[in-house]
Amino acid sequence: MESRVPTIAYLVSDAIIYAVSGTGTLIVKEGFEDELKRHRLEPGSFAFVPAWTEHQFVNNTDNDVVWVITQSGSQPLGAVLTDWGGDEASPPVQH
């Protein structure tokens, strides 16, 4: 298995994630108490990530994971962070 450092990000718009194939984990920082919640996503699963919610996608398997991510807004924006609650690691992400 390839060693990868997962990216922590947030979006300024809501996102809906649909798991097409493979099994992965969506980690979200919920509320102001820095509590990280892990949500297992497998084929057929849906998840909703509200705007400005820090989140991370993790694949700890040797298999590919395919997710369809739909974001609101005409030009969804976001940022990659250095750590949970950290500074921006790069300029804002534009799709």
PDB file of N, CA and C in Angstrom:
ATOM      1  N   MET A   1       0.850  -1.176   0.000  1.00  0.00           N
ATOM      2  CA  MET A   1       0.000   0.000   0.000  1.00  0.00           C
ATOM      3  C   MET A   1       0.890   1.232   0.000  1.00  0.00           C
ATOM      4  N   GLU A   2       0.531   2.213  -0.832  1.00  0.00           N
ATOM      5  CA  GLU A   2       1.253   3.462  -0.921  1.00  0.00           C
ATOM      6  C   GLU A   2       0.984   4.295   0.327  1.00  0.00           C
ATOM      7  N   SER A   3       2.028   4.886   0.887  1.00  0.00           N
ATOM      8  CA  SER A   3       1.861   5.729   2.066  1.00  0.00           C
ATOM      9  C   SER A   3       1.506   7.140   1.611  1.00  0.00           C
ATOM     10  N   ARG A   4       0.382   7.646   2.078  1.00  0.00           N
ATOM     11  CA  ARG A   4      -0.073   8.981   1.719  1.00  0.00           C
ATOM     12  C   ARG A   4      -0.495   9.732   2.965  1.00  0.00           C
ATOM     13  N   VAL A   5      -0.246  11.026   2.973  1.00  0.00           N
ATOM     14  CA  VAL A   5      -0.711  11.875   4.065  1.00  0.00           C
ATOM     15  C   VAL A   5      -2.048  12.460   3.628  1.00  0.00           C
ATOM     16  N   PRO A   6      -3.135  12.135   4.328  1.00  0.00           N
ATOM     17  CA  PRO A   6      -4.437  12.659   3.938  1.00  0.00           C
ATOM     18  C   PRO A   6      -4.483  14.182   4.077  1.00  0.00           C
ATOM     19  N   THR A   7      -5.245  14.810   3.225  1.00  0.00           N
ATOM     20  CA  THR A   7      -5.399  16.255   3.225  1.00  0.00           C
ATOM     21  C   THR A   7      -6.585  16.653   4.078  1.00  0.00           C
ATOM     22  N   ILE A   8      -6.399  17.663   4.910  1.00  0.00           N
ATOM     23  CA  ILE A   8      -7.487  18.234   5.694  1.00  0.00           C
ATOM     24  C   ILE A   8      -7.923  19.498   4.967  1.00  0.00           C
ATOM     25  N   ALA A   9      -9.227  19.655   4.769  1.00  0.00           N
ATOM     26  CA  ALA A   9      -9.715  20.792   3.997  1.00  0.00           C
ATOM     27  C   ALA A   9     -11.047  21.265   4.543  1.00  0.00           C
ATOM     28  N   TYR A  10     -11.462  22.412   4.050  1.00  0.00           N
ATOM     29  CA  TYR A  10     -12.832  22.859   4.250  1.00  0.00           C
ATOM     30  C   TYR A  10     -13.293  23.501   2.955  1.00  0.00           C
ATOM     31  N   LEU A  11     -14.590  23.557   2.778  1.00  0.00           N
ATOM     32  CA  LEU A  11     -15.190  24.191   1.602  1.00  0.00           C
ATOM     33  C   LEU A  11     -16.098  25.309   2.078  1.00  0.00           C
ATOM     34  N   VAL A  12     -16.253  26.339   1.278  1.00  0.00           N
ATOM     35  CA  VAL A  12     -17.149  27.433   1.640  1.00  0.00           C
ATOM     36  C   VAL A  12     -18.570  27.171   1.141  1.00  0.00           C
ATOM     37  N   SER A  13     -18.803  25.960   0.662  1.00  0.00           N
ATOM     38  CA  SER A  13     -20.132  25.552   0.221  1.00  0.00           C
ATOM     39  C   SER A  13     -20.426  24.145   0.728  1.00  0.00           C
ATOM     40  N   ASP A  14     -21.698  23.795   0.764  1.00  0.00           N
ATOM     41  CA  ASP A  14     -22.094  22.451   1.180  1.00  0.00           C
ATOM     42  C   ASP A  14     -21.621  21.431   0.150  1.00  0.00           C
ATOM     43  N   ALA A  15     -21.424  20.191   0.608  1.00  0.00           N
ATOM     44  CA  ALA A  15     -21.031  19.115  -0.299  1.00  0.00           C
ATOM     45  C   ALA A  15     -21.806  17.843   0.043  1.00  0.00           C
ATOM     46  N   ILE A  16     -22.148  17.095  -1.000  1.00  0.00           N
ATOM     47  CA  ILE A  16     -22.762  15.776  -0.842  1.00  0.00           C
ATOM     48  C   ILE A  16     -21.799  14.779  -1.459  1.00  0.00           C
ATOM     49  N   ILE A  17     -21.503  13.725  -0.708  1.00  0.00           N
ATOM     50  CA  ILE A  17     -20.573  12.692  -1.166  1.00  0.00           C
ATOM     51  C   ILE A  17     -21.365  11.401  -1.358  1.00  0.00           C
ATOM     52  N   TYR A  18     -21.161  10.765  -2.511  1.00  0.00           N
ATOM     53  CA  TYR A  18     -21.772   9.468  -2.796  1.00  0.00           C
ATOM     54  C   TYR A  18     -20.650   8.477  -3.069  1.00  0.00           C
ATOM     55  N   ALA A  19     -20.627   7.382  -2.320  1.00  0.00           N
ATOM     56  CA  ALA A  19     -19.595   6.354  -2.496  1.00  0.00           C
ATOM     57  C   ALA A  19     -20.015   5.409  -3.612  1.00  0.00           C
ATOM     58  N   VAL A  20     -19.204   5.367  -4.671  1.00  0.00           N
ATOM     59  CA  VAL A  20     -19.484   4.516  -5.824  1.00  0.00           C
ATOM     60  C   VAL A  20     -18.877   3.137  -5.627  1.00  0.00           C
ATOM     61  N   SER A  21     -17.584   3.092  -5.263  1.00  0.00           N
ATOM     62  CA  SER A  21     -16.919   1.806  -5.055  1.00  0.00           C
ATOM     63  C   SER A  21     -15.804   1.961  -4.031  1.00  0.00           C
ATOM     64  N   GLY A  22     -15.404   0.845  -3.456  1.00  0.00           N
ATOM     65  CA  GLY A  22     -14.372   0.867  -2.420  1.00  0.00           C
ATOM     66  C   GLY A  22     -14.944   1.309  -1.089  1.00  0.00           C
ATOM     67  N   THR A  23     -14.128   1.192  -0.059  1.00  0.00           N
ATOM     68  CA  THR A  23     -14.537   1.583   1.285  1.00  0.00           C
ATOM     69  C   THR A  23     -13.512   2.553   1.852  1.00  0.00           C
ATOM     70  N   GLY A  24     -13.996   3.682   2.329  1.00  0.00           N
ATOM     71  CA  GLY A  24     -13.120   4.687   2.903  1.00  0.00           C
ATOM     72  C   GLY A  24     -13.780   5.323   4.104  1.00  0.00           C
ATOM     73  N   THR A  25     -13.095   6.306   4.656  1.00  0.00           N
ATOM     74  CA  THR A  25     -13.591   6.988   5.846  1.00  0.00           C
ATOM     75  C   THR A  25     -13.621   8.489   5.595  1.00  0.00           C
ATOM     76  N   LEU A  26     -14.725   9.107   5.967  1.00  0.00           N
ATOM     77  CA  LEU A  26     -14.849  10.557   5.975  1.00  0.00           C
ATOM     78  C   LEU A  26     -14.706  10.981   7.427  1.00  0.00           C
ATOM     79  N   ILE A  27     -13.728  11.826   7.707  1.00  0.00           N
ATOM     80  CA  ILE A  27     -13.529  12.343   9.063  1.00  0.00           C
ATOM     81  C   ILE A  27     -13.929  13.811   9.039  1.00  0.00           C
ATOM     82  N   VAL A  28     -14.781  14.216   9.974  1.00  0.00           N
ATOM     83  CA  VAL A  28     -15.205  15.606  10.059  1.00  0.00           C
ATOM     84  C   VAL A  28     -14.997  16.128  11.468  1.00  0.00           C
ATOM     85  N   LYS A  29     -14.641  17.403  11.545  1.00  0.00           N
ATOM     86  CA  LYS A  29     -14.508  18.079  12.839  1.00  0.00           C
ATOM     87  C   LYS A  29     -15.840  18.740  13.106  1.00  0.00           C
ATOM     88  N   GLU A  30     -16.554  18.224  14.106  1.00  0.00           N
ATOM     89  CA  GLU A  30     -17.899  18.700  14.382  1.00  0.00           C
ATOM     90  C   GLU A  30     -17.920  19.629  15.575  1.00  0.00           C
ATOM     91  N   GLY A  31     -18.592  20.737  15.428  1.00  0.00           N
ATOM     92  CA  GLY A  31     -18.758  21.681  16.534  1.00  0.00           C
ATOM     93  C   GLY A  31     -17.489  22.427  16.885  1.00  0.00           C
ATOM     94  N   PHE A  32     -17.527  23.071  18.026  1.00  0.00           N
ATOM     95  CA  PHE A  32     -16.401  23.894  18.473  1.00  0.00           C
ATOM     96  C   PHE A  32     -15.519  23.168  19.484  1.00  0.00           C
ATOM     97  N   GLU A  33     -15.811  21.914  19.756  1.00  0.00           N
ATOM     98  CA  GLU A  33     -15.054  21.172  20.759  1.00  0.00           C
ATOM     99  C   GLU A  33     -13.980  20.290  20.160  1.00  0.00           C
ATOM    100  N   ASP A  34     -13.663  20.514  18.894  1.00  0.00           N
ATOM    101  CA  ASP A  34     -12.602  19.780  18.212  1.00  0.00           C
ATOM    102  C   ASP A  34     -12.804  18.275  18.208  1.00  0.00           C
ATOM    103  N   GLU A  35     -14.050  17.841  18.248  1.00  0.00           N
ATOM    104  CA  GLU A  35     -14.328  16.406  18.233  1.00  0.00           C
ATOM    105  C   GLU A  35     -14.325  15.905  16.793  1.00  0.00           C
ATOM    106  N   LEU A  36     -13.494  14.891  16.535  1.00  0.00           N
ATOM    107  CA  LEU A  36     -13.426  14.296  15.206  1.00  0.00           C
ATOM    108  C   LEU A  36     -14.358  13.092  15.148  1.00  0.00           C
ATOM    109  N   LYS A  37     -15.232  13.085  14.152  1.00  0.00           N
ATOM    110  CA  LYS A  37     -16.160  11.966  13.951  1.00  0.00           C
ATOM    111  C   LYS A  37     -15.768  11.241  12.678  1.00  0.00           C
ATOM    112  N   ARG A  38     -15.741   9.921  12.753  1.00  0.00           N
ATOM    113  CA  ARG A  38     -15.387   9.082  11.606  1.00  0.00           C
ATOM    114  C   ARG A  38     -16.648   8.415  11.056  1.00  0.00           C
ATOM    115  N   HIS A  39     -16.809   8.526   9.745  1.00  0.00           N
ATOM    116  CA  HIS A  39     -17.970   7.950   9.072  1.00  0.00           C
ATOM    117  C   HIS A  39     -17.467   7.031   7.962  1.00  0.00           C
ATOM    118  N   ARG A  40     -17.770   5.759   8.094  1.00  0.00           N
ATOM    119  CA  ARG A  40     -17.363   4.777   7.084  1.00  0.00           C
ATOM    120  C   ARG A  40     -18.274   4.928   5.865  1.00  0.00           C
ATOM    121  N   LEU A  41     -17.664   5.053   4.691  1.00  0.00           N
ATOM    122  CA  LEU A  41     -18.430   5.140   3.451  1.00  0.00           C
ATOM    123  C   LEU A  41     -18.099   3.940   2.581  1.00  0.00           C
ATOM    124  N   GLU A  42     -19.130   3.211   2.209  1.00  0.00           N
ATOM    125  CA  GLU A  42     -18.980   2.052   1.329  1.00  0.00           C
ATOM    126  C   GLU A  42     -19.959   2.223   0.180  1.00  0.00           C
ATOM    127  N   PRO A  43     -19.856   1.421  -0.871  1.00  0.00           N
ATOM    128  CA  PRO A  43     -20.714   1.620  -2.043  1.00  0.00           C
ATOM    129  C   PRO A  43     -22.187   1.795  -1.671  1.00  0.00           C
ATOM    130  N   GLY A  44     -22.768   2.873  -2.204  1.00  0.00           N
ATOM    131  CA  GLY A  44     -24.167   3.187  -1.933  1.00  0.00           C
ATOM    132  C   GLY A  44     -24.369   4.166  -0.793  1.00  0.00           C
ATOM    133  N   SER A  45     -23.313   4.497  -0.036  1.00  0.00           N
ATOM    134  CA  SER A  45     -23.424   5.432   1.085  1.00  0.00           C
ATOM    135  C   SER A  45     -23.438   6.875   0.600  1.00  0.00           C
ATOM    136  N   PHE A  46     -24.161   7.722   1.344  1.00  0.00           N
ATOM    137  CA  PHE A  46     -24.172   9.157   1.118  1.00  0.00           C
ATOM    138  C   PHE A  46     -23.675   9.856   2.379  1.00  0.00           C
ATOM    139  N   ALA A  47     -23.083  11.034   2.202  1.00  0.00           N
ATOM    140  CA  ALA A  47     -22.707  11.866   3.351  1.00  0.00           C
ATOM    141  C   ALA A  47     -22.920  13.320   2.957  1.00  0.00           C
ATOM    142  N   PHE A  48     -23.240  14.144   3.934  1.00  0.00           N
ATOM    143  CA  PHE A  48     -23.406  15.578   3.735  1.00  0.00           C
ATOM    144  C   PHE A  48     -22.371  16.293   4.588  1.00  0.00           C
ATOM    145  N   VAL A  49     -21.618  17.198   3.973  1.00  0.00           N
ATOM    146  CA  VAL A  49     -20.628  17.995   4.697  1.00  0.00           C
ATOM    147  C   VAL A  49     -21.045  19.461   4.559  1.00  0.00           C
ATOM    148  N   PRO A  50     -21.476  20.081   5.670  1.00  0.00           N
ATOM    149  CA  PRO A  50     -21.884  21.481   5.599  1.00  0.00           C
ATOM    150  C   PRO A  50     -20.708  22.402   5.269  1.00  0.00           C
ATOM    151  N   ALA A  51     -21.024  23.559   4.713  1.00  0.00           N
ATOM    152  CA  ALA A  51     -20.004  24.563   4.414  1.00  0.00           C
ATOM    153  C   ALA A  51     -19.187  24.879   5.666  1.00  0.00           C
ATOM    154  N   TRP A  52     -17.912  25.169   5.474  1.00  0.00           N
ATOM    155  CA  TRP A  52     -16.969  25.566   6.517  1.00  0.00           C
ATOM    156  C   TRP A  52     -16.665  24.455   7.514  1.00  0.00           C
ATOM    157  N   THR A  53     -17.000  23.224   7.196  1.00  0.00           N
ATOM    158  CA  THR A  53     -16.700  22.088   8.080  1.00  0.00           C
ATOM    159  C   THR A  53     -15.381  21.463   7.659  1.00  0.00           C
ATOM    160  N   GLU A  54     -14.428  21.408   8.588  1.00  0.00           N
ATOM    161  CA  GLU A  54     -13.155  20.770   8.282  1.00  0.00           C
ATOM    162  C   GLU A  54     -13.398  19.282   8.105  1.00  0.00           C
ATOM    163  N   HIS A  55     -12.791  18.697   7.067  1.00  0.00           N
ATOM    164  CA  HIS A  55     -13.015  17.281   6.792  1.00  0.00           C
ATOM    165  C   HIS A  55     -11.801  16.682   6.091  1.00  0.00           C
ATOM    166  N   GLN A  56     -11.797  15.359   6.075  1.00  0.00           N
ATOM    167  CA  GLN A  56     -10.681  14.611   5.498  1.00  0.00           C
ATOM    168  C   GLN A  56     -11.223  13.295   4.954  1.00  0.00           C
ATOM    169  N   PHE A  57     -10.739  12.908   3.771  1.00  0.00           N
ATOM    170  CA  PHE A  57     -11.084  11.612   3.192  1.00  0.00           C
ATOM    171  C   PHE A  57      -9.899  10.684   3.374  1.00  0.00           C
ATOM    172  N   VAL A  58     -10.146   9.457   3.871  1.00  0.00           N
ATOM    173  CA  VAL A  58      -9.062   8.514   4.139  1.00  0.00           C
ATOM    174  C   VAL A  58      -9.387   7.164   3.513  1.00  0.00           C
ATOM    175  N   ASN A  59      -8.394   6.600   2.838  1.00  0.00           N
ATOM    176  CA  ASN A  59      -8.494   5.253   2.295  1.00  0.00           C
ATOM    177  C   ASN A  59      -7.342   4.450   2.889  1.00  0.00           C
ATOM    178  N   ASN A  60      -7.637   3.571   3.824  1.00  0.00           N
ATOM    179  CA  ASN A  60      -6.607   2.755   4.482  1.00  0.00           C
ATOM    180  C   ASN A  60      -6.524   1.352   3.896  1.00  0.00           C
ATOM    181  N   THR A  61      -6.972   1.202   2.652  1.00  0.00           N
ATOM    182  CA  THR A  61      -6.943  -0.112   2.020  1.00  0.00           C
ATOM    183  C   THR A  61      -6.034  -0.069   0.794  1.00  0.00           C
ATOM    184  N   ASP A  62      -5.808  -1.219   0.210  1.00  0.00           N
ATOM    185  CA  ASP A  62      -5.037  -1.306  -1.036  1.00  0.00           C
ATOM    186  C   ASP A  62      -5.933  -1.111  -2.263  1.00  0.00           C
ATOM    187  N   ASN A  63      -7.241  -0.962  -2.043  1.00  0.00           N
ATOM    188  CA  ASN A  63      -8.195  -0.833  -3.138  1.00  0.00           C
ATOM    189  C   ASN A  63      -8.515   0.639  -3.405  1.00  0.00           C
ATOM    190  N   ASP A  64      -8.837   0.928  -4.653  1.00  0.00           N
ATOM    191  CA  ASP A  64      -9.248   2.278  -5.005  1.00  0.00           C
ATOM    192  C   ASP A  64     -10.609   2.586  -4.400  1.00  0.00           C
ATOM    193  N   VAL A  65     -10.824   3.860  -4.093  1.00  0.00           N
ATOM    194  CA  VAL A  65     -12.112   4.355  -3.623  1.00  0.00           C
ATOM    195  C   VAL A  65     -12.589   5.381  -4.641  1.00  0.00           C
ATOM    196  N   VAL A  66     -13.844   5.248  -5.057  1.00  0.00           N
ATOM    197  CA  VAL A  66     -14.426   6.209  -5.987  1.00  0.00           C
ATOM    198  C   VAL A  66     -15.621   6.849  -5.309  1.00  0.00           C
ATOM    199  N   TRP A  67     -15.549   8.171  -5.154  1.00  0.00           N
ATOM    200  CA  TRP A  67     -16.641   8.947  -4.578  1.00  0.00           C
ATOM    201  C   TRP A  67     -17.009  10.050  -5.550  1.00  0.00           C
ATOM    202  N   VAL A  68     -18.302  10.325  -5.671  1.00  0.00           N
ATOM    203  CA  VAL A  68     -18.770  11.470  -6.438  1.00  0.00           C
ATOM    204  C   VAL A  68     -19.086  12.568  -5.430  1.00  0.00           C
ATOM    205  N   ILE A  69     -18.476  13.739  -5.625  1.00  0.00           N
ATOM    206  CA  ILE A  69     -18.657  14.851  -4.692  1.00  0.00           C
ATOM    207  C   ILE A  69     -19.334  15.992  -5.444  1.00  0.00           C
ATOM    208  N   THR A  70     -20.489  16.395  -4.948  1.00  0.00           N
ATOM    209  CA  THR A  70     -21.250  17.482  -5.540  1.00  0.00           C
ATOM    210  C   THR A  70     -21.257  18.648  -4.562  1.00  0.00           C
ATOM    211  N   GLN A  71     -20.857  19.823  -5.057  1.00  0.00           N
ATOM    212  CA  GLN A  71     -20.799  21.013  -4.206  1.00  0.00           C
ATOM    213  C   GLN A  71     -21.764  22.062  -4.702  1.00  0.00           C
ATOM    214  N   SER A  72     -22.315  22.842  -3.770  1.00  0.00           N
ATOM    215  CA  SER A  72     -23.217  23.917  -4.148  1.00  0.00           C
ATOM    216  C   SER A  72     -22.419  25.134  -4.606  1.00  0.00           C
ATOM    217  N   GLY A  73     -23.093  26.044  -5.256  1.00  0.00           N
ATOM    218  CA  GLY A  73     -22.454  27.270  -5.702  1.00  0.00           C
ATOM    219  C   GLY A  73     -21.957  27.175  -7.123  1.00  0.00           C
ATOM    220  N   SER A  74     -21.814  28.326  -7.754  1.00  0.00           N
ATOM    221  CA  SER A  74     -21.356  28.343  -9.136  1.00  0.00           C
ATOM    222  C   SER A  74     -19.870  28.050  -9.244  1.00  0.00           C
ATOM    223  N   GLN A  75     -19.089  28.410  -8.239  1.00  0.00           N
ATOM    224  CA  GLN A  75     -17.656  28.116  -8.191  1.00  0.00           C
ATOM    225  C   GLN A  75     -17.281  27.756  -6.772  1.00  0.00           C
ATOM    226  N   PRO A  76     -17.426  26.488  -6.409  1.00  0.00           N
ATOM    227  CA  PRO A  76     -17.082  26.099  -5.035  1.00  0.00           C
ATOM    228  C   PRO A  76     -15.634  26.448  -4.692  1.00  0.00           C
ATOM    229  N   LEU A  77     -15.439  27.018  -3.537  1.00  0.00           N
ATOM    230  CA  LEU A  77     -14.119  27.399  -3.044  1.00  0.00           C
ATOM    231  C   LEU A  77     -13.823  26.650  -1.757  1.00  0.00           C
ATOM    232  N   GLY A  78     -12.545  26.506  -1.450  1.00  0.00           N
ATOM    233  CA  GLY A  78     -12.149  25.863  -0.212  1.00  0.00           C
ATOM    234  C   GLY A  78     -10.687  26.113   0.060  1.00  0.00           C
ATOM    235  N   ALA A  79     -10.164  25.456   1.070  1.00  0.00           N
ATOM    236  CA  ALA A  79      -8.757  25.607   1.427  1.00  0.00           C
ATOM    237  C   ALA A  79      -8.223  24.294   1.970  1.00  0.00           C
ATOM    238  N   VAL A  80      -6.950  24.055   1.736  1.00  0.00           N
ATOM    239  CA  VAL A  80      -6.236  22.923   2.322  1.00  0.00           C
ATOM    240  C   VAL A  80      -5.553  23.440   3.577  1.00  0.00           C
ATOM    241  N   LEU A  81      -5.673  22.699   4.680  1.00  0.00           N
ATOM    242  CA  LEU A  81      -5.147  23.145   5.964  1.00  0.00           C
ATOM    243  C   LEU A  81      -3.917  22.346   6.379  1.00  0.00           C
ATOM    244  N   THR A  82      -3.077  22.957   7.213  1.00  0.00           N
ATOM    245  CA  THR A  82      -1.873  22.293   7.706  1.00  0.00           C
ATOM    246  C   THR A  82      -2.202  21.217   8.734  1.00  0.00           C
ATOM    247  N   ASP A  83      -3.311  21.371   9.462  1.00  0.00           N
ATOM    248  CA  ASP A  83      -3.732  20.426  10.494  1.00  0.00           C
ATOM    249  C   ASP A  83      -5.157  20.805  10.874  1.00  0.00           C
ATOM    250  N   TRP A  84      -5.798  20.011  11.723  1.00  0.00           N
ATOM    251  CA  TRP A  84      -7.138  20.332  12.187  1.00  0.00           C
ATOM    252  C   TRP A  84      -7.084  21.689  12.869  1.00  0.00           C
ATOM    253  N   GLY A  85      -7.875  22.642  12.382  1.00  0.00           N
ATOM    254  CA  GLY A  85      -7.879  23.986  12.945  1.00  0.00           C
ATOM    255  C   GLY A  85      -6.648  24.794  12.579  1.00  0.00           C
ATOM    256  N   GLY A  86      -5.838  24.278  11.646  1.00  0.00           N
ATOM    257  CA  GLY A  86      -4.575  24.915  11.286  1.00  0.00           C
ATOM    258  C   GLY A  86      -4.721  26.005  10.250  1.00  0.00           C
ATOM    259  N   ASP A  87      -3.582  26.537   9.868  1.00  0.00           N
ATOM    260  CA  ASP A  87      -3.519  27.573   8.844  1.00  0.00           C
ATOM    261  C   ASP A  87      -3.692  26.950   7.471  1.00  0.00           C
ATOM    262  N   GLU A  88      -3.953  27.803   6.485  1.00  0.00           N
ATOM    263  CA  GLU A  88      -4.032  27.338   5.111  1.00  0.00           C
ATOM    264  C   GLU A  88      -2.664  26.894   4.647  1.00  0.00           C
ATOM    265  N   ALA A  89      -2.605  25.703   4.033  1.00  0.00           N
ATOM    266  CA  ALA A  89      -1.337  25.151   3.549  1.00  0.00           C
ATOM    267  C   ALA A  89      -1.043  25.620   2.136  1.00  0.00           C
ATOM    268  N   SER A  90      -2.072  26.064   1.429  1.00  0.00           N
ATOM    269  CA  SER A  90      -1.899  26.502   0.049  1.00  0.00           C
ATOM    270  C   SER A  90      -2.984  27.516  -0.266  1.00  0.00           C
ATOM    271  N   PRO A  91      -2.888  28.166  -1.400  1.00  0.00           N
ATOM    272  CA  PRO A  91      -3.956  29.108  -1.773  1.00  0.00           C
ATOM    273  C   PRO A  91      -5.300  28.396  -1.844  1.00  0.00           C
ATOM    274  N   PRO A  92      -6.404  29.153  -1.718  1.00  0.00           N
ATOM    275  CA  PRO A  92      -7.733  28.533  -1.777  1.00  0.00           C
ATOM    276  C   PRO A  92      -7.904  27.653  -3.010  1.00  0.00           C
ATOM    277  N   VAL A  93      -8.645  26.566  -2.816  1.00  0.00           N
ATOM    278  CA  VAL A  93      -8.897  25.609  -3.895  1.00  0.00           C
ATOM    279  C   VAL A  93     -10.091  26.100  -4.693  1.00  0.00           C
ATOM    280  N   GLN A  94      -9.929  26.192  -6.027  1.00  0.00           N
ATOM    281  CA  GLN A  94     -11.029  26.538  -6.909  1.00  0.00           C
ATOM    282  C   GLN A  94     -11.235  25.403  -7.883  1.00  0.00           C
ATOM    283  N   HIS A  95     -12.493  25.021  -8.112  1.00  0.00           N
ATOM    284  CA  HIS A  95     -12.805  23.938  -9.040  1.00  0.00           C
ATOM    285  C   HIS A  95     -13.407  24.508 -10.288  1.00  0.00           C
TER     286      HIS A  95
END
